[in-house]
Amino acid sequence: MRQPEAWPRQYARQITAMRTREERIAALAEVPEHLRELVRTHVEIAWNHPRGNTYGPQTD
């Protein structure tokens, strides 16, 4: 998961593609701390977008 020059949206794209919540939580924990909240926001927006998620709305 660690990429030295990854952008927040790249992290979010990788996290959103993961199948389980546990995988997503673990991957978010590996994101550099100074980017974590921004990446989390990107993931939540993508997850809750009508066309961005086939598993239903995020409830946590």
PDB file of N, CA and C in Angstrom:
ATOM      1  N   MET A   1       0.826  -1.200   0.000  1.00  0.00           N
ATOM      2  CA  MET A   1       0.000   0.000   0.000  1.00  0.00           C
ATOM      3  C   MET A   1       0.864   1.255   0.000  1.00  0.00           C
ATOM      4  N   ARG A   2       1.990   1.220   0.638  1.00  0.00           N
ATOM      5  CA  ARG A   2       2.817   2.428   0.732  1.00  0.00           C
ATOM      6  C   ARG A   2       3.461   2.761  -0.595  1.00  0.00           C
ATOM      7  N   GLN A   3       3.216   3.963  -1.037  1.00  0.00           N
ATOM      8  CA  GLN A   3       3.826   4.482  -2.248  1.00  0.00           C
ATOM      9  C   GLN A   3       4.393   5.849  -1.903  1.00  0.00           C
ATOM     10  N   PRO A   4       5.649   6.098  -2.170  1.00  0.00           N
ATOM     11  CA  PRO A   4       6.270   7.338  -1.713  1.00  0.00           C
ATOM     12  C   PRO A   4       5.648   8.609  -2.277  1.00  0.00           C
ATOM     13  N   GLU A   5       5.111   8.561  -3.480  1.00  0.00           N
ATOM     14  CA  GLU A   5       4.583   9.777  -4.075  1.00  0.00           C
ATOM     15  C   GLU A   5       3.104   9.655  -4.437  1.00  0.00           C
ATOM     16  N   ALA A   6       2.363   8.851  -3.711  1.00  0.00           N
ATOM     17  CA  ALA A   6       0.946   8.672  -4.001  1.00  0.00           C
ATOM     18  C   ALA A   6       0.157   9.908  -3.573  1.00  0.00           C
ATOM     19  N   TRP A   7      -0.835  10.238  -4.359  1.00  0.00           N
ATOM     20  CA  TRP A   7      -1.726  11.349  -4.056  1.00  0.00           C
ATOM     21  C   TRP A   7      -2.911  10.829  -3.253  1.00  0.00           C
ATOM     22  N   PRO A   8      -3.583  11.687  -2.494  1.00  0.00           N
ATOM     23  CA  PRO A   8      -4.713  11.237  -1.677  1.00  0.00           C
ATOM     24  C   PRO A   8      -5.779  10.485  -2.474  1.00  0.00           C
ATOM     25  N   ARG A   9      -6.081  10.934  -3.670  1.00  0.00           N
ATOM     26  CA  ARG A   9      -7.099  10.235  -4.460  1.00  0.00           C
ATOM     27  C   ARG A   9      -6.629   8.866  -4.929  1.00  0.00           C
ATOM     28  N   GLN A  10      -5.331   8.699  -5.106  1.00  0.00           N
ATOM     29  CA  GLN A  10      -4.806   7.376  -5.461  1.00  0.00           C
ATOM     30  C   GLN A  10      -4.987   6.410  -4.294  1.00  0.00           C
ATOM     31  N   TYR A  11      -4.682   6.868  -3.093  1.00  0.00           N
ATOM     32  CA  TYR A  11      -4.926   6.043  -1.912  1.00  0.00           C
ATOM     33  C   TYR A  11      -6.415   5.710  -1.815  1.00  0.00           C
ATOM     34  N   ALA A  12      -7.265   6.708  -1.983  1.00  0.00           N
ATOM     35  CA  ALA A  12      -8.707   6.497  -1.869  1.00  0.00           C
ATOM     36  C   ALA A  12      -9.200   5.498  -2.906  1.00  0.00           C
ATOM     37  N   ARG A  13      -8.694   5.583  -4.121  1.00  0.00           N
ATOM     38  CA  ARG A  13      -9.100   4.660  -5.191  1.00  0.00           C
ATOM     39  C   ARG A  13      -8.737   3.224  -4.820  1.00  0.00           C
ATOM     40  N   GLN A  14      -7.546   3.032  -4.284  1.00  0.00           N
ATOM     41  CA  GLN A  14      -7.111   1.696  -3.878  1.00  0.00           C
ATOM     42  C   GLN A  14      -7.960   1.171  -2.721  1.00  0.00           C
ATOM     43  N   ILE A  15      -8.244   2.026  -1.763  1.00  0.00           N
ATOM     44  CA  ILE A  15      -9.025   1.618  -0.597  1.00  0.00           C
ATOM     45  C   ILE A  15     -10.457   1.300  -0.993  1.00  0.00           C
ATOM     46  N   THR A  16     -11.046   2.118  -1.844  1.00  0.00           N
ATOM     47  CA  THR A  16     -12.423   1.902  -2.275  1.00  0.00           C
ATOM     48  C   THR A  16     -12.570   0.579  -3.020  1.00  0.00           C
ATOM     49  N   ALA A  17     -11.540   0.151  -3.720  1.00  0.00           N
ATOM     50  CA  ALA A  17     -11.595  -1.094  -4.494  1.00  0.00           C
ATOM     51  C   ALA A  17     -11.525  -2.344  -3.615  1.00  0.00           C
ATOM     52  N   MET A  18     -11.188  -2.196  -2.358  1.00  0.00           N
ATOM     53  CA  MET A  18     -11.069  -3.354  -1.469  1.00  0.00           C
ATOM     54  C   MET A  18     -12.445  -3.892  -1.117  1.00  0.00           C
ATOM     55  N   ARG A  19     -12.524  -5.208  -0.942  1.00  0.00           N
ATOM     56  CA  ARG A  19     -13.811  -5.869  -0.757  1.00  0.00           C
ATOM     57  C   ARG A  19     -14.373  -5.798   0.664  1.00  0.00           C
ATOM     58  N   THR A  20     -13.518  -5.859   1.671  1.00  0.00           N
ATOM     59  CA  THR A  20     -14.043  -5.916   3.033  1.00  0.00           C
ATOM     60  C   THR A  20     -13.731  -4.640   3.809  1.00  0.00           C
ATOM     61  N   ARG A  21     -14.553  -4.387   4.780  1.00  0.00           N
ATOM     62  CA  ARG A  21     -14.374  -3.216   5.637  1.00  0.00           C
ATOM     63  C   ARG A  21     -13.053  -3.302   6.399  1.00  0.00           C
ATOM     64  N   GLU A  22     -12.717  -4.505   6.854  1.00  0.00           N
ATOM     65  CA  GLU A  22     -11.469  -4.696   7.598  1.00  0.00           C
ATOM     66  C   GLU A  22     -10.258  -4.344   6.738  1.00  0.00           C
ATOM     67  N   GLU A  23     -10.291  -4.739   5.463  1.00  0.00           N
ATOM     68  CA  GLU A  23      -9.200  -4.392   4.550  1.00  0.00           C
ATOM     69  C   GLU A  23      -9.095  -2.880   4.383  1.00  0.00           C
ATOM     70  N   ARG A  24     -10.252  -2.230   4.246  1.00  0.00           N
ATOM     71  CA  ARG A  24     -10.258  -0.776   4.058  1.00  0.00           C
ATOM     72  C   ARG A  24      -9.731  -0.053   5.290  1.00  0.00           C
ATOM     73  N   ILE A  25     -10.121  -0.505   6.463  1.00  0.00           N
ATOM     74  CA  ILE A  25      -9.651   0.114   7.706  1.00  0.00           C
ATOM     75  C   ILE A  25      -8.139  -0.063   7.848  1.00  0.00           C
ATOM     76  N   ALA A  26      -7.644  -1.260   7.557  1.00  0.00           N
ATOM     77  CA  ALA A  26      -6.203  -1.517   7.653  1.00  0.00           C
ATOM     78  C   ALA A  26      -5.429  -0.664   6.652  1.00  0.00           C
ATOM     79  N   ALA A  27      -5.950  -0.541   5.441  1.00  0.00           N
ATOM     80  CA  ALA A  27      -5.272   0.256   4.415  1.00  0.00           C
ATOM     81  C   ALA A  27      -5.270   1.735   4.794  1.00  0.00           C
ATOM     82  N   LEU A  28      -6.367   2.224   5.346  1.00  0.00           N
ATOM     83  CA  LEU A  28      -6.422   3.623   5.761  1.00  0.00           C
ATOM     84  C   LEU A  28      -5.402   3.901   6.865  1.00  0.00           C
ATOM     85  N   ALA A  29      -5.182   2.933   7.728  1.00  0.00           N
ATOM     86  CA  ALA A  29      -4.197   3.100   8.801  1.00  0.00           C
ATOM     87  C   ALA A  29      -2.774   3.210   8.254  1.00  0.00           C
ATOM     88  N   GLU A  30      -2.536   2.697   7.050  1.00  0.00           N
ATOM     89  CA  GLU A  30      -1.206   2.761   6.438  1.00  0.00           C
ATOM     90  C   GLU A  30      -0.955   4.056   5.671  1.00  0.00           C
ATOM     91  N   VAL A  31      -2.004   4.837   5.453  1.00  0.00           N
ATOM     92  CA  VAL A  31      -1.856   6.113   4.750  1.00  0.00           C
ATOM     93  C   VAL A  31      -1.077   7.068   5.660  1.00  0.00           C
ATOM     94  N   PRO A  32      -0.167   7.867   5.108  1.00  0.00           N
ATOM     95  CA  PRO A  32       0.562   8.830   5.940  1.00  0.00           C
ATOM     96  C   PRO A  32      -0.402   9.700   6.754  1.00  0.00           C
ATOM     97  N   GLU A  33      -0.051   9.929   7.991  1.00  0.00           N
ATOM     98  CA  GLU A  33      -0.947  10.616   8.925  1.00  0.00           C
ATOM     99  C   GLU A  33      -1.432  11.966   8.413  1.00  0.00           C
ATOM    100  N   HIS A  34      -0.564  12.723   7.764  1.00  0.00           N
ATOM    101  CA  HIS A  34      -0.958  14.058   7.312  1.00  0.00           C
ATOM    102  C   HIS A  34      -1.956  14.006   6.147  1.00  0.00           C
ATOM    103  N   LEU A  35      -2.162  12.848   5.542  1.00  0.00           N
ATOM    104  CA  LEU A  35      -3.123  12.704   4.441  1.00  0.00           C
ATOM    105  C   LEU A  35      -4.364  11.905   4.838  1.00  0.00           C
ATOM    106  N   ARG A  36      -4.337  11.291   5.996  1.00  0.00           N
ATOM    107  CA  ARG A  36      -5.357  10.312   6.372  1.00  0.00           C
ATOM    108  C   ARG A  36      -6.780  10.867   6.350  1.00  0.00           C
ATOM    109  N   GLU A  37      -7.023  12.026   6.944  1.00  0.00           N
ATOM    110  CA  GLU A  37      -8.385  12.573   6.981  1.00  0.00           C
ATOM    111  C   GLU A  37      -8.886  12.920   5.581  1.00  0.00           C
ATOM    112  N   LEU A  38      -8.015  13.471   4.754  1.00  0.00           N
ATOM    113  CA  LEU A  38      -8.402  13.799   3.387  1.00  0.00           C
ATOM    114  C   LEU A  38      -8.728  12.530   2.606  1.00  0.00           C
ATOM    115  N   VAL A  39      -7.922  11.502   2.763  1.00  0.00           N
ATOM    116  CA  VAL A  39      -8.177  10.229   2.079  1.00  0.00           C
ATOM    117  C   VAL A  39      -9.486   9.632   2.575  1.00  0.00           C
ATOM    118  N   ARG A  40      -9.713   9.685   3.879  1.00  0.00           N
ATOM    119  CA  ARG A  40     -10.968   9.157   4.437  1.00  0.00           C
ATOM    120  C   ARG A  40     -12.171   9.889   3.834  1.00  0.00           C
ATOM    121  N   THR A  41     -12.058  11.197   3.691  1.00  0.00           N
ATOM    122  CA  THR A  41     -13.136  11.978   3.080  1.00  0.00           C
ATOM    123  C   THR A  41     -13.362  11.550   1.637  1.00  0.00           C
ATOM    124  N   HIS A  42     -12.292  11.383   0.872  1.00  0.00           N
ATOM    125  CA  HIS A  42     -12.420  10.926  -0.516  1.00  0.00           C
ATOM    126  C   HIS A  42     -13.096   9.555  -0.576  1.00  0.00           C
ATOM    127  N   VAL A  43     -12.711   8.652   0.318  1.00  0.00           N
ATOM    128  CA  VAL A  43     -13.294   7.306   0.342  1.00  0.00           C
ATOM    129  C   VAL A  43     -14.784   7.385   0.665  1.00  0.00           C
ATOM    130  N   GLU A  44     -15.153   8.181   1.652  1.00  0.00           N
ATOM    131  CA  GLU A  44     -16.563   8.299   2.028  1.00  0.00           C
ATOM    132  C   GLU A  44     -17.396   8.886   0.895  1.00  0.00           C
ATOM    133  N   ILE A  45     -16.869   9.893   0.220  1.00  0.00           N
ATOM    134  CA  ILE A  45     -17.593  10.493  -0.899  1.00  0.00           C
ATOM    135  C   ILE A  45     -17.785   9.464  -2.005  1.00  0.00           C
ATOM    136  N   ALA A  46     -16.725   8.753  -2.356  1.00  0.00           N
ATOM    137  CA  ALA A  46     -16.821   7.739  -3.415  1.00  0.00           C
ATOM    138  C   ALA A  46     -17.764   6.615  -3.013  1.00  0.00           C
ATOM    139  N   TRP A  47     -17.684   6.197  -1.766  1.00  0.00           N
ATOM    140  CA  TRP A  47     -18.501   5.082  -1.290  1.00  0.00           C
ATOM    141  C   TRP A  47     -19.987   5.446  -1.294  1.00  0.00           C
ATOM    142  N   ASN A  48     -20.315   6.670  -0.947  1.00  0.00           N
ATOM    143  CA  ASN A  48     -21.710   7.092  -0.853  1.00  0.00           C
ATOM    144  C   ASN A  48     -22.278   7.618  -2.161  1.00  0.00           C
ATOM    145  N   HIS A  49     -21.451   7.757  -3.176  1.00  0.00           N
ATOM    146  CA  HIS A  49     -21.922   8.236  -4.471  1.00  0.00           C
ATOM    147  C   HIS A  49     -22.795   7.157  -5.112  1.00  0.00           C
ATOM    148  N   PRO A  50     -23.929   7.539  -5.714  1.00  0.00           N
ATOM    149  CA  PRO A  50     -24.845   6.544  -6.279  1.00  0.00           C
ATOM    150  C   PRO A  50     -24.199   5.588  -7.285  1.00  0.00           C
ATOM    151  N   ARG A  51     -23.247   6.042  -8.068  1.00  0.00           N
ATOM    152  CA  ARG A  51     -22.616   5.170  -9.057  1.00  0.00           C
ATOM    153  C   ARG A  51     -21.267   4.647  -8.601  1.00  0.00           C
ATOM    154  N   GLY A  52     -20.791   5.084  -7.454  1.00  0.00           N
ATOM    155  CA  GLY A  52     -19.458   4.707  -7.018  1.00  0.00           C
ATOM    156  C   GLY A  52     -19.390   3.499  -6.119  1.00  0.00           C
ATOM    157  N   ASN A  53     -20.522   2.896  -5.807  1.00  0.00           N
ATOM    158  CA  ASN A  53     -20.529   1.814  -4.843  1.00  0.00           C
ATOM    159  C   ASN A  53     -21.612   0.814  -5.196  1.00  0.00           C
ATOM    160  N   THR A  54     -21.233  -0.443  -5.250  1.00  0.00           N
ATOM    161  CA  THR A  54     -22.218  -1.482  -5.540  1.00  0.00           C
ATOM    162  C   THR A  54     -22.594  -2.262  -4.291  1.00  0.00           C
ATOM    163  N   TYR A  55     -22.055  -1.876  -3.131  1.00  0.00           N
ATOM    164  CA  TYR A  55     -22.294  -2.618  -1.897  1.00  0.00           C
ATOM    165  C   TYR A  55     -23.244  -1.904  -0.938  1.00  0.00           C
ATOM    166  N   GLY A  56     -23.830  -0.794  -1.330  1.00  0.00           N
ATOM    167  CA  GLY A  56     -24.719  -0.053  -0.458  1.00  0.00           C
ATOM    168  C   GLY A  56     -24.014   1.099   0.230  1.00  0.00           C
ATOM    169  N   PRO A  57     -24.770   2.010   0.876  1.00  0.00           N
ATOM    170  CA  PRO A  57     -24.163   3.182   1.515  1.00  0.00           C
ATOM    171  C   PRO A  57     -23.323   2.794   2.723  1.00  0.00           C
ATOM    172  N   GLN A  58     -22.322   3.600   2.991  1.00  0.00           N
ATOM    173  CA  GLN A  58     -21.473   3.385   4.162  1.00  0.00           C
ATOM    174  C   GLN A  58     -22.255   3.796   5.392  1.00  0.00           C
ATOM    175  N   THR A  59     -22.228   2.975   6.426  1.00  0.00           N
ATOM    176  CA  THR A  59     -23.028   3.257   7.618  1.00  0.00           C
ATOM    177  C   THR A  59     -22.195   3.543   8.849  1.00  0.00           C
ATOM    178  N   ASP A  60     -20.869   3.544   8.739  1.00  0.00           N
ATOM    179  CA  ASP A  60     -20.074   3.766   9.949  1.00  0.00           C
ATOM    180  C   ASP A  60     -19.556   5.164  10.049  1.00  0.00           C
TER     181      ASP A  60
END
